[in-house]
Full PDB file with SEQRES, HELIX, SHEET, SSBOND, CRYST1, ORIGX, SCALE, CONECT and MASTER records, all heavy atoms in Angstrom:
SEQRES   1 A   34  ALA VAL PRO ASP TRP THR GLY VAL ALA ALA SER LEU LEU          
SEQRES   2 A   34  LEU VAL ALA VAL ALA ALA LEU ILE ALA TYR ARG GLN ARG          
SEQRES   3 A   34  LEU ARG VAL THR ARG GLU LEU LEU                              
HELIX    1 AA1 TRP A    5  ALA A   10  1                                   6    
HELIX    2 AA2 LEU A   12  ARG A   24  1                                  13    
HELIX    3 AA3 THR A   30  LEU A   33  1                                   4    
CRYST1    1.000    1.000    1.000  90.00  90.00  90.00 P 1           1          
ORIGX1      1.000000  0.000000  0.000000        0.00000                         
ORIGX2      0.000000  1.000000  0.000000        0.00000                         
ORIGX3      0.000000  0.000000  1.000000        0.00000                         
SCALE1      1.000000  0.000000  0.000000        0.00000                         
SCALE2      0.000000  1.000000  0.000000        0.00000                         
SCALE3      0.000000  0.000000  1.000000        0.00000                         
ATOM      1  N   ALA A   1      11.308 -69.954-156.819  1.00  0.00           N  
ATOM      2  CA  ALA A   1      10.574 -69.953-158.083  1.00  0.00           C  
ATOM      3  C   ALA A   1       9.314 -69.114-157.921  1.00  0.00           C  
ATOM      4  O   ALA A   1       8.321 -69.582-157.370  1.00  0.00           O  
ATOM      5  CB  ALA A   1      10.232 -71.377-158.495  1.00  0.00           C  
ATOM      6  N   VAL A   2       9.364 -67.879-158.380  1.00  0.00           N  
ATOM      7  CA  VAL A   2       8.222 -66.977-158.283  1.00  0.00           C  
ATOM      8  C   VAL A   2       7.445 -67.034-159.587  1.00  0.00           C  
ATOM      9  O   VAL A   2       8.015 -66.919-160.671  1.00  0.00           O  
ATOM     10  CB  VAL A   2       8.696 -65.529-158.026  1.00  0.00           C  
ATOM     11  CG1 VAL A   2       7.508 -64.586-157.965  1.00  0.00           C  
ATOM     12  CG2 VAL A   2       9.490 -65.458-156.739  1.00  0.00           C  
ATOM     13  N   PRO A   3       6.132 -67.218-159.530  1.00  0.00           N  
ATOM     14  CA  PRO A   3       5.345 -67.286-160.768  1.00  0.00           C  
ATOM     15  C   PRO A   3       5.481 -66.008-161.586  1.00  0.00           C  
ATOM     16  O   PRO A   3       5.449 -64.905-161.029  1.00  0.00           O  
ATOM     17  CB  PRO A   3       3.905 -67.453-160.254  1.00  0.00           C  
ATOM     18  CG  PRO A   3       4.049 -68.009-158.870  1.00  0.00           C  
ATOM     19  CD  PRO A   3       5.302 -67.399-158.332  1.00  0.00           C  
ATOM     20  N   ASP A   4       5.662 -66.159-162.906  1.00  0.00           N  
ATOM     21  CA  ASP A   4       5.664 -64.989-163.766  1.00  0.00           C  
ATOM     22  C   ASP A   4       4.220 -64.693-164.162  1.00  0.00           C  
ATOM     23  O   ASP A   4       3.287 -65.357-163.710  1.00  0.00           O  
ATOM     24  CB  ASP A   4       6.560 -65.209-164.995  1.00  0.00           C  
ATOM     25  CG  ASP A   4       6.167 -66.461-165.780  1.00  0.00           C  
ATOM     26  OD1 ASP A   4       5.037 -66.966-165.572  1.00  0.00           O  
ATOM     27  OD2 ASP A   4       6.984 -66.944-166.578  1.00  0.00           O  
ATOM     28  N   TRP A   5       4.038 -63.667-165.036  1.00  0.00           N  
ATOM     29  CA  TRP A   5       2.672 -63.289-165.394  1.00  0.00           C  
ATOM     30  C   TRP A   5       1.964 -64.378-166.185  1.00  0.00           C  
ATOM     31  O   TRP A   5       0.742 -64.499-166.141  1.00  0.00           O  
ATOM     32  CB  TRP A   5       2.682 -61.972-166.170  1.00  0.00           C  
ATOM     33  CG  TRP A   5       3.000 -60.808-165.292  1.00  0.00           C  
ATOM     34  CD1 TRP A   5       4.127 -60.054-165.288  1.00  0.00           C  
ATOM     35  CD2 TRP A   5       2.154 -60.285-164.248  1.00  0.00           C  
ATOM     36  NE1 TRP A   5       4.059 -59.088-164.303  1.00  0.00           N  
ATOM     37  CE2 TRP A   5       2.855 -59.200-163.661  1.00  0.00           C  
ATOM     38  CE3 TRP A   5       0.899 -60.614-163.763  1.00  0.00           C  
ATOM     39  CZ2 TRP A   5       2.335 -58.454-162.609  1.00  0.00           C  
ATOM     40  CZ3 TRP A   5       0.364 -59.876-162.711  1.00  0.00           C  
ATOM     41  CH2 TRP A   5       1.082 -58.810-162.155  1.00  0.00           C  
ATOM     42  N   THR A   6       2.751 -65.206-166.894  1.00  0.00           N  
ATOM     43  CA  THR A   6       2.144 -66.341-167.596  1.00  0.00           C  
ATOM     44  C   THR A   6       1.562 -67.336-166.594  1.00  0.00           C  
ATOM     45  O   THR A   6       0.470 -67.877-166.781  1.00  0.00           O  
ATOM     46  CB  THR A   6       3.193 -67.047-168.473  1.00  0.00           C  
ATOM     47  OG1 THR A   6       3.733 -66.113-169.423  1.00  0.00           O  
ATOM     48  CG2 THR A   6       2.578 -68.230-169.217  1.00  0.00           C  
ATOM     49  N   GLY A   7       2.307 -67.557-165.496  1.00  0.00           N  
ATOM     50  CA  GLY A   7       1.826 -68.439-164.450  1.00  0.00           C  
ATOM     51  C   GLY A   7       0.578 -67.890-163.778  1.00  0.00           C  
ATOM     52  O   GLY A   7      -0.350 -68.636-163.449  1.00  0.00           O  
ATOM     53  N   VAL A   8       0.556 -66.573-163.581  1.00  0.00           N  
ATOM     54  CA  VAL A   8      -0.623 -65.937-162.993  1.00  0.00           C  
ATOM     55  C   VAL A   8      -1.831 -66.140-163.897  1.00  0.00           C  
ATOM     56  O   VAL A   8      -2.939 -66.457-163.432  1.00  0.00           O  
ATOM     57  CB  VAL A   8      -0.372 -64.432-162.764  1.00  0.00           C  
ATOM     58  CG1 VAL A   8      -1.655 -63.745-162.317  1.00  0.00           C  
ATOM     59  CG2 VAL A   8       0.721 -64.224-161.721  1.00  0.00           C  
ATOM     60  N   ALA A   9      -1.619 -65.953-165.205  1.00  0.00           N  
ATOM     61  CA  ALA A   9      -2.712 -66.142-166.160  1.00  0.00           C  
ATOM     62  C   ALA A   9      -3.189 -67.593-166.151  1.00  0.00           C  
ATOM     63  O   ALA A   9      -4.392 -67.868-166.225  1.00  0.00           O  
ATOM     64  CB  ALA A   9      -2.256 -65.742-167.560  1.00  0.00           C  
ATOM     65  N   ALA A  10      -2.247 -68.523-166.015  1.00  0.00           N  
ATOM     66  CA  ALA A  10      -2.622 -69.940-165.989  1.00  0.00           C  
ATOM     67  C   ALA A  10      -3.459 -70.270-164.763  1.00  0.00           C  
ATOM     68  O   ALA A  10      -4.331 -71.152-164.808  1.00  0.00           O  
ATOM     69  CB  ALA A  10      -1.359 -70.807-166.014  1.00  0.00           C  
ATOM     70  N   SER A  11      -3.211 -69.561-163.671  1.00  0.00           N  
ATOM     71  CA  SER A  11      -3.968 -69.832-162.445  1.00  0.00           C  
ATOM     72  C   SER A  11      -5.434 -69.451-162.586  1.00  0.00           C  
ATOM     73  O   SER A  11      -6.266 -69.828-161.752  1.00  0.00           O  
ATOM     74  CB  SER A  11      -3.353 -69.081-161.259  1.00  0.00           C  
ATOM     75  OG  SER A  11      -3.513 -67.679-161.391  1.00  0.00           O  
ATOM     76  N   LEU A  12      -5.775 -68.715-163.637  1.00  0.00           N  
ATOM     77  CA  LEU A  12      -7.177 -68.395-163.898  1.00  0.00           C  
ATOM     78  C   LEU A  12      -8.002 -69.658-164.148  1.00  0.00           C  
ATOM     79  O   LEU A  12      -9.232 -69.648-164.008  1.00  0.00           O  
ATOM     80  CB  LEU A  12      -7.297 -67.459-165.097  1.00  0.00           C  
ATOM     81  CG  LEU A  12      -6.859 -66.006-164.869  1.00  0.00           C  
ATOM     82  CD1 LEU A  12      -6.869 -65.244-166.180  1.00  0.00           C  
ATOM     83  CD2 LEU A  12      -7.780 -65.336-163.859  1.00  0.00           C  
ATOM     84  N   LEU A  13      -7.326 -70.748-164.510  1.00  0.00           N  
ATOM     85  CA  LEU A  13      -8.030 -72.018-164.694  1.00  0.00           C  
ATOM     86  C   LEU A  13      -8.693 -72.450-163.387  1.00  0.00           C  
ATOM     87  O   LEU A  13      -9.760 -73.074-163.390  1.00  0.00           O  
ATOM     88  CB  LEU A  13      -7.056 -73.095-165.173  1.00  0.00           C  
ATOM     89  CG  LEU A  13      -6.512 -72.938-166.604  1.00  0.00           C  
ATOM     90  CD1 LEU A  13      -5.447 -73.986-166.874  1.00  0.00           C  
ATOM     91  CD2 LEU A  13      -7.651 -73.045-167.615  1.00  0.00           C  
ATOM     92  N   LEU A  14      -8.069 -72.121-162.270  1.00  0.00           N  
ATOM     93  CA  LEU A  14      -8.629 -72.478-160.970  1.00  0.00           C  
ATOM     94  C   LEU A  14      -9.900 -71.679-160.704  1.00  0.00           C  
ATOM     95  O   LEU A  14     -10.863 -72.189-160.126  1.00  0.00           O  
ATOM     96  CB  LEU A  14      -7.597 -72.222-159.866  1.00  0.00           C  
ATOM     97  CG  LEU A  14      -6.279 -73.002-160.018  1.00  0.00           C  
ATOM     98  CD1 LEU A  14      -5.297 -72.600-158.924  1.00  0.00           C  
ATOM     99  CD2 LEU A  14      -6.538 -74.502-159.981  1.00  0.00           C  
ATOM    100  N   VAL A  15      -9.888 -70.414-161.135  1.00  0.00           N  
ATOM    101  CA  VAL A  15     -11.098 -69.595-161.008  1.00  0.00           C  
ATOM    102  C   VAL A  15     -12.203 -70.171-161.884  1.00  0.00           C  
ATOM    103  O   VAL A  15     -13.375 -70.204-161.490  1.00  0.00           O  
ATOM    104  CB  VAL A  15     -10.807 -68.128-161.405  1.00  0.00           C  
ATOM    105  CG1 VAL A  15     -12.085 -67.293-161.342  1.00  0.00           C  
ATOM    106  CG2 VAL A  15      -9.739 -67.532-160.501  1.00  0.00           C  
ATOM    107  N   ALA A  16     -11.810 -70.634-163.082  1.00  0.00           N  
ATOM    108  CA  ALA A  16     -12.789 -71.231-163.991  1.00  0.00           C  
ATOM    109  C   ALA A  16     -13.429 -72.468-163.371  1.00  0.00           C  
ATOM    110  O   ALA A  16     -14.635 -72.705-163.534  1.00  0.00           O  
ATOM    111  CB  ALA A  16     -12.120 -71.585-165.317  1.00  0.00           C  
ATOM    112  N   VAL A  17     -12.642 -73.251-162.646  1.00  0.00           N  
ATOM    113  CA  VAL A  17     -13.179 -74.445-161.980  1.00  0.00           C  
ATOM    114  C   VAL A  17     -14.230 -74.046-160.951  1.00  0.00           C  
ATOM    115  O   VAL A  17     -15.328 -74.617-160.890  1.00  0.00           O  
ATOM    116  CB  VAL A  17     -12.041 -75.241-161.302  1.00  0.00           C  
ATOM    117  CG1 VAL A  17     -12.632 -76.343-160.418  1.00  0.00           C  
ATOM    118  CG2 VAL A  17     -11.116 -75.845-162.339  1.00  0.00           C  
ATOM    119  N   ALA A  18     -13.891 -73.036-160.130  1.00  0.00           N  
ATOM    120  CA  ALA A  18     -14.831 -72.567-159.108  1.00  0.00           C  
ATOM    121  C   ALA A  18     -16.096 -72.010-159.748  1.00  0.00           C  
ATOM    122  O   ALA A  18     -17.219 -72.265-159.289  1.00  0.00           O  
ATOM    123  CB  ALA A  18     -14.168 -71.503-158.235  1.00  0.00           C  
ATOM    124  N   ALA A  19     -15.920 -71.243-160.843  1.00  0.00           N  
ATOM    125  CA  ALA A  19     -17.072 -70.661-161.538  1.00  0.00           C  
ATOM    126  C   ALA A  19     -17.943 -71.746-162.153  1.00  0.00           C  
ATOM    127  O   ALA A  19     -19.181 -71.657-162.136  1.00  0.00           O  
ATOM    128  CB  ALA A  19     -16.593 -69.692-162.615  1.00  0.00           C  
ATOM    129  N   LEU A  20     -17.316 -72.778-162.700  1.00  0.00           N  
ATOM    130  CA  LEU A  20     -18.064 -73.870-163.311  1.00  0.00           C  
ATOM    131  C   LEU A  20     -18.906 -74.605-162.262  1.00  0.00           C  
ATOM    132  O   LEU A  20     -20.071 -74.944-162.508  1.00  0.00           O  
ATOM    133  CB  LEU A  20     -17.110 -74.847-163.993  1.00  0.00           C  
ATOM    134  CG  LEU A  20     -17.767 -76.057-164.687  1.00  0.00           C  
ATOM    135  CD1 LEU A  20     -18.703 -75.586-165.790  1.00  0.00           C  
ATOM    136  CD2 LEU A  20     -16.700 -76.988-165.246  1.00  0.00           C  
ATOM    137  N   ILE A  21     -18.313 -74.837-161.107  1.00  0.00           N  
ATOM    138  CA  ILE A  21     -19.049 -75.498-160.029  1.00  0.00           C  
ATOM    139  C   ILE A  21     -20.248 -74.644-159.611  1.00  0.00           C  
ATOM    140  O   ILE A  21     -21.362 -75.154-159.438  1.00  0.00           O  
ATOM    141  CB  ILE A  21     -18.122 -75.743-158.819  1.00  0.00           C  
ATOM    142  CG1 ILE A  21     -17.073 -76.806-159.176  1.00  0.00           C  
ATOM    143  CG2 ILE A  21     -18.936 -76.172-157.594  1.00  0.00           C  
ATOM    144  CD1 ILE A  21     -16.026 -77.004-158.109  1.00  0.00           C  
ATOM    145  N   ALA A  22     -20.019 -73.348-159.449  1.00  0.00           N  
ATOM    146  CA  ALA A  22     -21.102 -72.444-159.048  1.00  0.00           C  
ATOM    147  C   ALA A  22     -22.213 -72.429-160.097  1.00  0.00           C  
ATOM    148  O   ALA A  22     -23.410 -72.401-159.756  1.00  0.00           O  
ATOM    149  CB  ALA A  22     -20.559 -71.034-158.834  1.00  0.00           C  
ATOM    150  N   TYR A  23     -21.820 -72.460-161.375  1.00  0.00           N  
ATOM    151  CA  TYR A  23     -22.809 -72.417-162.461  1.00  0.00           C  
ATOM    152  C   TYR A  23     -23.599 -73.720-162.544  1.00  0.00           C  
ATOM    153  O   TYR A  23     -24.832 -73.705-162.613  1.00  0.00           O  
ATOM    154  CB  TYR A  23     -22.110 -72.146-163.784  1.00  0.00           C  
ATOM    155  CG  TYR A  23     -23.037 -72.163-164.969  1.00  0.00           C  
ATOM    156  CD1 TYR A  23     -23.907 -71.104-165.219  1.00  0.00           C  
ATOM    157  CD2 TYR A  23     -23.050 -73.259-165.836  1.00  0.00           C  
ATOM    158  CE1 TYR A  23     -24.774 -71.132-166.313  1.00  0.00           C  
ATOM    159  CE2 TYR A  23     -23.907 -73.295-166.926  1.00  0.00           C  
ATOM    160  CZ  TYR A  23     -24.769 -72.226-167.159  1.00  0.00           C  
ATOM    161  OH  TYR A  23     -25.614 -72.269-168.226  1.00  0.00           O  
ATOM    162  N   ARG A  24     -22.882 -74.861-162.512  1.00  0.00           N  
ATOM    163  CA  ARG A  24     -23.549 -76.149-162.658  1.00  0.00           C  
ATOM    164  C   ARG A  24     -24.462 -76.461-161.469  1.00  0.00           C  
ATOM    165  O   ARG A  24     -25.479 -77.124-161.628  1.00  0.00           O  
ATOM    166  CB  ARG A  24     -22.500 -77.259-162.815  1.00  0.00           C  
ATOM    167  CG  ARG A  24     -21.704 -77.180-164.109  1.00  0.00           C  
ATOM    168  CD  ARG A  24     -22.590 -77.434-165.320  1.00  0.00           C  
ATOM    169  NE  ARG A  24     -23.163 -78.764-165.313  1.00  0.00           N  
ATOM    170  CZ  ARG A  24     -22.583 -79.847-165.805  1.00  0.00           C  
ATOM    171  NH1 ARG A  24     -21.382 -79.724-166.386  1.00  0.00           N  
ATOM    172  NH2 ARG A  24     -23.170 -81.021-165.771  1.00  0.00           N  
ATOM    173  N   GLN A  25     -24.084 -75.973-160.303  1.00  0.00           N  
ATOM    174  CA  GLN A  25     -24.891 -76.219-159.107  1.00  0.00           C  
ATOM    175  C   GLN A  25     -25.968 -75.142-158.905  1.00  0.00           C  
ATOM    176  O   GLN A  25     -26.688 -75.174-157.912  1.00  0.00           O  
ATOM    177  CB  GLN A  25     -23.987 -76.277-157.870  1.00  0.00           C  
ATOM    178  CG  GLN A  25     -23.005 -77.424-157.878  1.00  0.00           C  
ATOM    179  CD  GLN A  25     -23.688 -78.774-157.916  1.00  0.00           C  
ATOM    180  OE1 GLN A  25     -24.663 -79.007-157.199  1.00  0.00           O  
ATOM    181  NE2 GLN A  25     -23.198 -79.671-158.777  1.00  0.00           N  
ATOM    182  N   ARG A  26     -26.040 -74.205-159.845  1.00  0.00           N  
ATOM    183  CA  ARG A  26     -27.039 -73.131-159.802  1.00  0.00           C  
ATOM    184  C   ARG A  26     -27.022 -72.372-158.475  1.00  0.00           C  
ATOM    185  O   ARG A  26     -28.050 -72.159-157.844  1.00  0.00           O  
ATOM    186  CB  ARG A  26     -28.440 -73.712-160.059  1.00  0.00           C  
ATOM    187  CG  ARG A  26     -28.561 -74.392-161.421  1.00  0.00           C  
ATOM    188  CD  ARG A  26     -29.955 -74.923-161.636  1.00  0.00           C  
ATOM    189  NE  ARG A  26     -30.055 -75.595-162.958  1.00  0.00           N  
ATOM    190  CZ  ARG A  26     -31.154 -76.181-163.409  1.00  0.00           C  
ATOM    191  NH1 ARG A  26     -32.261 -76.175-162.654  1.00  0.00           N  
ATOM    192  NH2 ARG A  26     -31.160 -76.755-164.593  1.00  0.00           N  
ATOM    193  N   LEU A  27     -25.815 -71.976-158.079  1.00  0.00           N  
ATOM    194  CA  LEU A  27     -25.658 -71.268-156.806  1.00  0.00           C  
ATOM    195  C   LEU A  27     -25.964 -69.774-156.926  1.00  0.00           C  
ATOM    196  O   LEU A  27     -26.044 -69.073-155.929  1.00  0.00           O  
ATOM    197  CB  LEU A  27     -24.222 -71.447-156.288  1.00  0.00           C  
ATOM    198  CG  LEU A  27     -23.761 -72.898-156.087  1.00  0.00           C  
ATOM    199  CD1 LEU A  27     -22.338 -72.915-155.544  1.00  0.00           C  
ATOM    200  CD2 LEU A  27     -24.709 -73.643-155.168  1.00  0.00           C  
ATOM    201  N   ARG A  28     -26.084 -69.295-158.159  1.00  0.00           N  
ATOM    202  CA  ARG A  28     -26.389 -67.892-158.431  1.00  0.00           C  
ATOM    203  C   ARG A  28     -25.314 -66.939-157.895  1.00  0.00           C  
ATOM    204  O   ARG A  28     -25.608 -65.829-157.473  1.00  0.00           O  
ATOM    205  CB  ARG A  28     -27.753 -67.508-157.847  1.00  0.00           C  
ATOM    206  CG  ARG A  28     -28.908 -68.293-158.441  1.00  0.00           C  
ATOM    207  CD  ARG A  28     -30.245 -67.850-157.863  1.00  0.00           C  
ATOM    208  NE  ARG A  28     -31.357 -68.613-158.439  1.00  0.00           N  
ATOM    209  CZ  ARG A  28     -32.635 -68.434-158.092  1.00  0.00           C  
ATOM    210  NH1 ARG A  28     -32.949 -67.537-157.178  1.00  0.00           N  
ATOM    211  NH2 ARG A  28     -33.573 -69.163-158.655  1.00  0.00           N  
ATOM    212  N   VAL A  29     -24.076 -67.415-157.882  1.00  0.00           N  
ATOM    213  CA  VAL A  29     -22.965 -66.543-157.468  1.00  0.00           C  
ATOM    214  C   VAL A  29     -21.845 -66.546-158.513  1.00  0.00           C  
ATOM    215  O   VAL A  29     -20.762 -66.052-158.252  1.00  0.00           O  
ATOM    216  CB  VAL A  29     -22.391 -66.988-156.103  1.00  0.00           C  
ATOM    217  CG1 VAL A  29     -23.417 -66.809-155.006  1.00  0.00           C  
ATOM    218  CG2 VAL A  29     -21.888 -68.428-156.153  1.00  0.00           C  
ATOM    219  N   THR A  30     -22.124 -67.110-159.695  1.00  0.00           N  
ATOM    220  CA  THR A  30     -21.083 -67.217-160.718  1.00  0.00           C  
ATOM    221  C   THR A  30     -20.561 -65.847-161.131  1.00  0.00           C  
ATOM    222  O   THR A  30     -19.347 -65.614-161.176  1.00  0.00           O  
ATOM    223  CB  THR A  30     -21.615 -67.954-161.962  1.00  0.00           C  
ATOM    224  OG1 THR A  30     -22.177 -69.216-161.560  1.00  0.00           O  
ATOM    225  CG2 THR A  30     -20.492 -68.197-162.955  1.00  0.00           C  
ATOM    226  N   ARG A  31     -21.488 -64.942-161.409  1.00  0.00           N  
ATOM    227  CA  ARG A  31     -21.089 -63.599-161.824  1.00  0.00           C  
ATOM    228  C   ARG A  31     -20.319 -62.899-160.702  1.00  0.00           C  
ATOM    229  O   ARG A  31     -19.273 -62.283-160.939  1.00  0.00           O  
ATOM    230  CB  ARG A  31     -22.327 -62.781-162.198  1.00  0.00           C  
ATOM    231  CG  ARG A  31     -22.021 -61.346-162.614  1.00  0.00           C  
ATOM    232  CD  ARG A  31     -23.317 -60.565-162.865  1.00  0.00           C  
ATOM    233  NE  ARG A  31     -23.048 -59.184-163.185  1.00  0.00           N  
ATOM    234  CZ  ARG A  31     -22.783 -58.731-164.392  1.00  0.00           C  
ATOM    235  NH1 ARG A  31     -22.762 -59.562-165.406  1.00  0.00           N  
ATOM    236  NH2 ARG A  31     -22.561 -57.450-164.597  1.00  0.00           N  
ATOM    237  N   GLU A  32     -20.814 -63.029-159.495  1.00  0.00           N  
ATOM    238  CA  GLU A  32     -20.153 -62.398-158.346  1.00  0.00           C  
ATOM    239  C   GLU A  32     -18.752 -62.972-158.141  1.00  0.00           C  
ATOM    240  O   GLU A  32     -17.809 -62.250-157.820  1.00  0.00           O  
ATOM    241  CB  GLU A  32     -20.993 -62.615-157.083  1.00  0.00           C  
ATOM    242  CG  GLU A  32     -20.454 -61.915-155.849  1.00  0.00           C  
ATOM    243  CD  GLU A  32     -21.349 -62.110-154.641  1.00  0.00           C  
ATOM    244  OE1 GLU A  32     -22.425 -62.724-154.792  1.00  0.00           O  
ATOM    245  OE2 GLU A  32     -20.976 -61.651-153.553  1.00  0.00           O  
ATOM    246  N   LEU A  33     -18.624 -64.280-158.344  1.00  0.00           N  
ATOM    247  CA  LEU A  33     -17.324 -64.929-158.205  1.00  0.00           C  
ATOM    248  C   LEU A  33     -16.322 -64.409-159.220  1.00  0.00           C  
ATOM    249  O   LEU A  33     -15.175 -64.097-158.890  1.00  0.00           O  
ATOM    250  CB  LEU A  33     -17.503 -66.446-158.344  1.00  0.00           C  
ATOM    251  CG  LEU A  33     -16.308 -67.351-158.042  1.00  0.00           C  
ATOM    252  CD1 LEU A  33     -16.812 -68.721-157.589  1.00  0.00           C  
ATOM    253  CD2 LEU A  33     -15.410 -67.521-159.265  1.00  0.00           C  
ATOM    254  N   LEU A  34     -16.755 -64.291-160.471  1.00  0.00           N  
ATOM    255  CA  LEU A  34     -15.864 -63.816-161.533  1.00  0.00           C  
ATOM    256  C   LEU A  34     -15.483 -62.346-161.313  1.00  0.00           C  
ATOM    257  O   LEU A  34     -14.327 -61.966-161.522  1.00  0.00           O  
ATOM    258  CB  LEU A  34     -16.538 -63.983-162.892  1.00  0.00           C  
ATOM    259  CG  LEU A  34     -16.769 -65.441-163.339  1.00  0.00           C  
ATOM    260  CD1 LEU A  34     -17.577 -65.486-164.626  1.00  0.00           C  
ATOM    261  CD2 LEU A  34     -15.434 -66.157-163.511  1.00  0.00           C  
TER     262      LEU A  34                                                      
MASTER        0    0    0    3    0    0    0    6  261    1    0    3          
END                                                                             
């Protein structure tokens, strides 16, 4: 089962989680992470 492009797009939610943590904790790396 290989992820299709829809699955790849859905995995962006994981990036959003990491970005949210960086933003809420004021790590000043949110932009760099994205």
